Amino acid sequence: KRIGLALELQSMTSDAVEAVDKAAFKERREMLERGEEPDAAFLERKGLDRYCAAVVDWTWEDDFEGNTGNWGGEQLEFTPENLRKVMGNDVVLSQVMAAAGDDARFFAKLAKAT
């Protein structure tokens, strides 16, 4: 089902994503220094942080039947809290993972110019 939400993404090599990666690495290192082993929940949370950092903005569009796009009846504002809520949906997350990991989407214009 189309929900009418268009996400604007940046590359997984962007400064924002790299900053999230560095913070996660630092947190993991500190945990290990305290003798704590990062668990699956930690790794999942940090993975979600990483893909959330790739999302720059979103817009609501009409679906194929002309209905205004919504998330559970609401057009959520683009906020960090709402972003995590939307990205917690497996379908949305998998689409973001595929699109954000495709560098050709971000560099195709540059490649054509050279």
N, C-alpha and C. Protein backbone atom coordinates (compact mmCIF):
# COMPACT_ATOMS: atom_id res chain seq x y z
N LYS A 1 0.83 -1.19 0.00
CA LYS A 1 0.00 0.00 0.00
C LYS A 1 0.87 1.24 0.00
N ARG A 2 0.61 2.16 -0.90
CA ARG A 2 1.36 3.41 -0.96
C ARG A 2 0.83 4.37 0.09
N ILE A 3 1.73 4.98 0.86
CA ILE A 3 1.30 5.88 1.93
C ILE A 3 1.47 7.34 1.55
N GLY A 4 2.11 7.62 0.42
CA GLY A 4 2.26 8.99 -0.04
C GLY A 4 3.35 9.77 0.67
N LEU A 5 4.36 9.09 1.15
CA LEU A 5 5.47 9.75 1.83
C LEU A 5 6.71 9.63 0.97
N ALA A 6 7.26 10.77 0.54
CA ALA A 6 8.48 10.78 -0.26
C ALA A 6 9.63 11.25 0.63
N LEU A 7 10.65 10.42 0.74
CA LEU A 7 11.79 10.74 1.58
C LEU A 7 12.93 11.30 0.74
N GLU A 8 13.56 12.34 1.24
CA GLU A 8 14.75 12.90 0.60
C GLU A 8 15.96 12.34 1.34
N LEU A 9 16.85 11.71 0.59
CA LEU A 9 17.99 11.02 1.21
C LEU A 9 19.31 11.65 0.79
N GLN A 10 20.32 11.42 1.62
CA GLN A 10 21.69 11.73 1.26
C GLN A 10 22.49 10.43 1.32
N SER A 11 23.62 10.45 0.70
CA SER A 11 24.47 9.26 0.60
C SER A 11 24.92 8.77 1.98
N MET A 12 25.18 7.48 2.04
CA MET A 12 25.71 6.88 3.26
C MET A 12 27.15 7.33 3.51
N THR A 13 27.74 8.04 2.56
CA THR A 13 29.08 8.59 2.77
C THR A 13 29.03 10.07 3.14
N SER A 14 27.84 10.57 3.43
CA SER A 14 27.69 11.99 3.80
C SER A 14 28.32 12.25 5.17
N ASP A 15 28.57 13.52 5.43
CA ASP A 15 29.15 13.91 6.72
C ASP A 15 28.23 13.53 7.88
N ALA A 16 26.91 13.66 7.69
CA ALA A 16 25.96 13.35 8.77
C ALA A 16 26.03 11.87 9.15
N VAL A 17 26.06 11.00 8.15
CA VAL A 17 26.13 9.56 8.42
C VAL A 17 27.49 9.21 9.03
N GLU A 18 28.54 9.79 8.53
CA GLU A 18 29.87 9.51 9.08
C GLU A 18 29.97 9.95 10.53
N ALA A 19 29.31 11.07 10.89
CA ALA A 19 29.32 11.53 12.28
C ALA A 19 28.59 10.53 13.19
N VAL A 20 27.50 9.97 12.70
CA VAL A 20 26.77 8.95 13.46
C VAL A 20 27.63 7.71 13.62
N ASP A 21 28.33 7.32 12.57
CA ASP A 21 29.22 6.15 12.64
C ASP A 21 30.32 6.36 13.67
N LYS A 22 30.92 7.54 13.67
CA LYS A 22 32.00 7.83 14.63
C LYS A 22 31.48 7.81 16.06
N ALA A 23 30.30 8.37 16.28
CA ALA A 23 29.72 8.38 17.63
C ALA A 23 29.41 6.95 18.09
N ALA A 24 28.90 6.13 17.20
CA ALA A 24 28.59 4.73 17.55
C ALA A 24 29.87 3.96 17.86
N PHE A 25 30.91 4.20 17.07
CA PHE A 25 32.19 3.53 17.31
C PHE A 25 32.74 3.92 18.69
N LYS A 26 32.65 5.22 18.99
CA LYS A 26 33.14 5.71 20.29
C LYS A 26 32.35 5.07 21.44
N GLU A 27 31.02 5.03 21.28
CA GLU A 27 30.19 4.44 22.33
C GLU A 27 30.49 2.96 22.51
N ARG A 28 30.68 2.25 21.41
CA ARG A 28 31.01 0.82 21.48
C ARG A 28 32.37 0.61 22.15
N ARG A 29 33.34 1.43 21.79
CA ARG A 29 34.67 1.33 22.41
C ARG A 29 34.59 1.57 23.91
N GLU A 30 33.81 2.57 24.34
CA GLU A 30 33.65 2.86 25.76
C GLU A 30 32.97 1.70 26.49
N MET A 31 31.99 1.08 25.84
CA MET A 31 31.34 -0.08 26.44
C MET A 31 32.34 -1.21 26.64
N LEU A 32 33.14 -1.47 25.61
CA LEU A 32 34.13 -2.55 25.70
C LEU A 32 35.16 -2.26 26.79
N GLU A 33 35.56 -0.99 26.94
CA GLU A 33 36.51 -0.61 27.98
C GLU A 33 35.94 -0.85 29.38
N ARG A 34 34.61 -0.76 29.50
CA ARG A 34 33.95 -1.03 30.79
C ARG A 34 33.66 -2.52 30.97
N GLY A 35 34.05 -3.31 29.98
CA GLY A 35 33.82 -4.75 30.06
C GLY A 35 32.43 -5.17 29.62
N GLU A 36 31.71 -4.27 28.97
CA GLU A 36 30.37 -4.58 28.48
C GLU A 36 30.44 -4.95 27.01
N GLU A 37 29.67 -5.94 26.66
CA GLU A 37 29.60 -6.36 25.26
C GLU A 37 28.33 -5.77 24.64
N PRO A 38 28.44 -5.05 23.53
CA PRO A 38 27.23 -4.52 22.88
C PRO A 38 26.30 -5.67 22.48
N ASP A 39 25.03 -5.54 22.85
CA ASP A 39 24.07 -6.59 22.52
C ASP A 39 23.37 -6.29 21.19
N ALA A 40 22.51 -7.19 20.79
CA ALA A 40 21.80 -7.04 19.52
C ALA A 40 20.96 -5.78 19.48
N ALA A 41 20.35 -5.41 20.61
CA ALA A 41 19.52 -4.21 20.66
C ALA A 41 20.37 -2.96 20.40
N PHE A 42 21.58 -2.93 20.96
CA PHE A 42 22.49 -1.81 20.74
C PHE A 42 22.84 -1.71 19.26
N LEU A 43 23.21 -2.83 18.66
CA LEU A 43 23.61 -2.83 17.25
C LEU A 43 22.43 -2.44 16.35
N GLU A 44 21.25 -2.91 16.67
CA GLU A 44 20.06 -2.55 15.89
C GLU A 44 19.77 -1.06 16.00
N ARG A 45 19.86 -0.53 17.22
CA ARG A 45 19.62 0.90 17.45
C ARG A 45 20.62 1.77 16.69
N LYS A 46 21.88 1.36 16.71
CA LYS A 46 22.91 2.14 16.00
C LYS A 46 22.75 2.03 14.49
N GLY A 47 22.30 0.88 14.01
CA GLY A 47 22.01 0.74 12.59
C GLY A 47 20.87 1.64 12.17
N LEU A 48 19.83 1.72 13.00
CA LEU A 48 18.71 2.61 12.70
C LEU A 48 19.17 4.07 12.72
N ASP A 49 20.02 4.43 13.69
CA ASP A 49 20.57 5.79 13.75
C ASP A 49 21.25 6.15 12.44
N ARG A 50 21.99 5.20 11.93
CA ARG A 50 22.77 5.40 10.70
C ARG A 50 21.86 5.73 9.51
N TYR A 51 20.80 4.95 9.36
CA TYR A 51 19.89 5.19 8.23
C TYR A 51 19.01 6.41 8.46
N CYS A 52 18.70 6.72 9.71
CA CYS A 52 17.96 7.96 9.99
C CYS A 52 18.80 9.18 9.59
N ALA A 53 20.12 9.08 9.79
CA ALA A 53 21.00 10.19 9.42
C ALA A 53 21.02 10.44 7.92
N ALA A 54 20.68 9.42 7.15
CA ALA A 54 20.65 9.57 5.69
C ALA A 54 19.39 10.27 5.20
N VAL A 55 18.36 10.35 6.05
CA VAL A 55 17.11 11.00 5.66
C VAL A 55 17.21 12.48 5.99
N VAL A 56 17.06 13.31 4.97
CA VAL A 56 17.20 14.76 5.11
C VAL A 56 15.86 15.45 5.36
N ASP A 57 14.81 14.93 4.72
CA ASP A 57 13.50 15.57 4.81
C ASP A 57 12.47 14.62 4.21
N TRP A 58 11.19 14.98 4.32
CA TRP A 58 10.14 14.24 3.62
C TRP A 58 9.02 15.17 3.21
N THR A 59 8.26 14.72 2.24
CA THR A 59 7.07 15.46 1.80
C THR A 59 5.93 14.46 1.65
N TRP A 60 4.73 14.97 1.86
CA TRP A 60 3.53 14.15 1.71
C TRP A 60 2.95 14.37 0.34
N GLU A 61 2.61 13.29 -0.32
CA GLU A 61 2.04 13.35 -1.67
C GLU A 61 0.76 12.55 -1.70
N ASP A 62 -0.04 12.74 -2.73
CA ASP A 62 -1.26 11.96 -2.90
C ASP A 62 -0.92 10.55 -3.34
N ASP A 63 -1.76 9.61 -2.95
CA ASP A 63 -1.57 8.24 -3.41
C ASP A 63 -2.18 8.09 -4.81
N PHE A 64 -2.20 6.89 -5.32
CA PHE A 64 -2.67 6.65 -6.69
C PHE A 64 -4.15 6.96 -6.88
N GLU A 65 -4.91 6.96 -5.79
CA GLU A 65 -6.34 7.24 -5.89
C GLU A 65 -6.65 8.69 -5.58
N GLY A 66 -5.64 9.53 -5.40
CA GLY A 66 -5.86 10.94 -5.12
C GLY A 66 -6.07 11.26 -3.65
N ASN A 67 -5.89 10.26 -2.79
CA ASN A 67 -6.01 10.49 -1.35
C ASN A 67 -4.73 11.12 -0.83
N THR A 68 -4.87 12.02 0.12
CA THR A 68 -3.70 12.66 0.70
C THR A 68 -2.92 11.65 1.52
N GLY A 69 -1.61 11.60 1.30
CA GLY A 69 -0.76 10.67 2.03
C GLY A 69 -0.80 10.92 3.52
N ASN A 70 -0.68 9.85 4.30
CA ASN A 70 -0.69 9.99 5.76
C ASN A 70 -0.05 8.77 6.41
N TRP A 71 0.27 8.93 7.67
CA TRP A 71 0.84 7.86 8.48
C TRP A 71 -0.11 7.64 9.65
N GLY A 72 -0.92 6.60 9.55
CA GLY A 72 -1.90 6.34 10.60
C GLY A 72 -2.92 7.45 10.74
N GLY A 73 -3.25 8.09 9.62
CA GLY A 73 -4.24 9.17 9.64
C GLY A 73 -3.65 10.55 9.85
N GLU A 74 -2.36 10.65 10.04
CA GLU A 74 -1.71 11.94 10.27
C GLU A 74 -0.63 12.21 9.23
N GLN A 75 -0.44 13.48 8.92
CA GLN A 75 0.72 13.89 8.13
C GLN A 75 1.77 14.37 9.12
N LEU A 76 2.60 13.45 9.52
CA LEU A 76 3.61 13.75 10.54
C LEU A 76 4.60 14.79 10.06
N GLU A 77 4.97 15.69 10.97
CA GLU A 77 6.04 16.64 10.68
C GLU A 77 7.36 15.88 10.65
N PHE A 78 8.32 16.44 9.92
CA PHE A 78 9.65 15.83 9.89
C PHE A 78 10.40 16.28 11.15
N THR A 79 10.43 15.40 12.14
CA THR A 79 11.16 15.64 13.39
C THR A 79 11.97 14.38 13.69
N PRO A 80 12.98 14.47 14.54
CA PRO A 80 13.74 13.26 14.88
C PRO A 80 12.86 12.15 15.46
N GLU A 81 11.90 12.50 16.30
CA GLU A 81 11.02 11.50 16.90
C GLU A 81 10.16 10.82 15.84
N ASN A 82 9.55 11.62 14.96
CA ASN A 82 8.71 11.06 13.91
C ASN A 82 9.52 10.26 12.90
N LEU A 83 10.73 10.71 12.65
CA LEU A 83 11.60 9.98 11.73
C LEU A 83 11.87 8.58 12.28
N ARG A 84 12.17 8.47 13.55
CA ARG A 84 12.42 7.15 14.15
C ARG A 84 11.17 6.29 14.10
N LYS A 85 10.00 6.91 14.30
CA LYS A 85 8.74 6.16 14.24
C LYS A 85 8.54 5.58 12.84
N VAL A 86 8.72 6.41 11.82
CA VAL A 86 8.53 5.96 10.44
C VAL A 86 9.60 4.95 10.05
N MET A 87 10.83 5.21 10.45
CA MET A 87 11.92 4.30 10.10
C MET A 87 11.84 2.98 10.87
N GLY A 88 11.04 2.93 11.91
CA GLY A 88 10.82 1.69 12.63
C GLY A 88 9.97 0.70 11.86
N ASN A 89 9.37 1.16 10.76
CA ASN A 89 8.58 0.29 9.90
C ASN A 89 9.54 -0.45 8.98
N ASP A 90 9.46 -1.79 8.98
CA ASP A 90 10.41 -2.61 8.22
C ASP A 90 10.41 -2.31 6.72
N VAL A 91 9.24 -2.02 6.16
CA VAL A 91 9.16 -1.74 4.72
C VAL A 91 9.87 -0.44 4.40
N VAL A 92 9.61 0.60 5.19
CA VAL A 92 10.26 1.89 4.96
C VAL A 92 11.77 1.75 5.15
N LEU A 93 12.17 1.11 6.23
CA LEU A 93 13.61 0.94 6.50
C LEU A 93 14.31 0.19 5.37
N SER A 94 13.70 -0.88 4.88
CA SER A 94 14.37 -1.63 3.81
C SER A 94 14.48 -0.81 2.54
N GLN A 95 13.48 0.03 2.26
CA GLN A 95 13.56 0.88 1.07
C GLN A 95 14.65 1.94 1.24
N VAL A 96 14.75 2.52 2.43
CA VAL A 96 15.80 3.51 2.68
C VAL A 96 17.16 2.85 2.61
N MET A 97 17.30 1.67 3.16
CA MET A 97 18.58 0.96 3.11
C MET A 97 19.01 0.73 1.67
N ALA A 98 18.09 0.31 0.82
CA ALA A 98 18.43 0.05 -0.58
C ALA A 98 18.78 1.34 -1.31
N ALA A 99 17.97 2.37 -1.12
CA ALA A 99 18.19 3.62 -1.85
C ALA A 99 19.43 4.36 -1.37
N ALA A 100 19.61 4.44 -0.06
CA ALA A 100 20.75 5.19 0.49
C ALA A 100 22.08 4.49 0.20
N GLY A 101 22.04 3.18 0.03
CA GLY A 101 23.26 2.44 -0.25
C GLY A 101 23.63 2.40 -1.72
N ASP A 102 22.79 2.96 -2.57
CA ASP A 102 23.05 2.97 -4.02
C ASP A 102 23.73 4.28 -4.40
N ASP A 103 25.06 4.28 -4.36
CA ASP A 103 25.81 5.51 -4.63
C ASP A 103 25.51 6.11 -6.00
N ALA A 104 25.15 5.29 -6.94
CA ALA A 104 24.85 5.81 -8.28
C ALA A 104 23.70 6.81 -8.24
N ARG A 105 22.77 6.66 -7.31
CA ARG A 105 21.66 7.59 -7.17
C ARG A 105 22.15 8.99 -6.82
N PHE A 106 23.26 9.07 -6.11
CA PHE A 106 23.75 10.34 -5.61
C PHE A 106 24.82 10.96 -6.49
N PHE A 107 25.48 10.14 -7.25
CA PHE A 107 26.63 10.62 -8.02
C PHE A 107 26.45 10.48 -9.53
N ALA A 108 25.28 10.10 -9.98
CA ALA A 108 25.06 9.88 -11.42
C ALA A 108 25.28 11.17 -12.21
N LYS A 109 24.79 12.30 -11.73
CA LYS A 109 24.96 13.57 -12.45
C LYS A 109 26.43 13.94 -12.53
N LEU A 110 27.14 13.73 -11.43
CA LEU A 110 28.58 14.04 -11.41
C LEU A 110 29.31 13.14 -12.41
N ALA A 111 28.97 11.88 -12.45
CA ALA A 111 29.63 10.95 -13.35
C ALA A 111 29.38 11.31 -14.81
N LYS A 112 28.18 11.77 -15.12
CA LYS A 112 27.86 12.15 -16.49
C LYS A 112 28.61 13.40 -16.92
N ALA A 113 28.91 14.27 -15.96
CA ALA A 113 29.57 15.54 -16.27
C ALA A 113 31.06 15.36 -16.57
N THR A 114 31.65 14.24 -16.12
CA THR A 114 33.08 14.05 -16.32
C THR A 114 33.39 13.27 -17.57
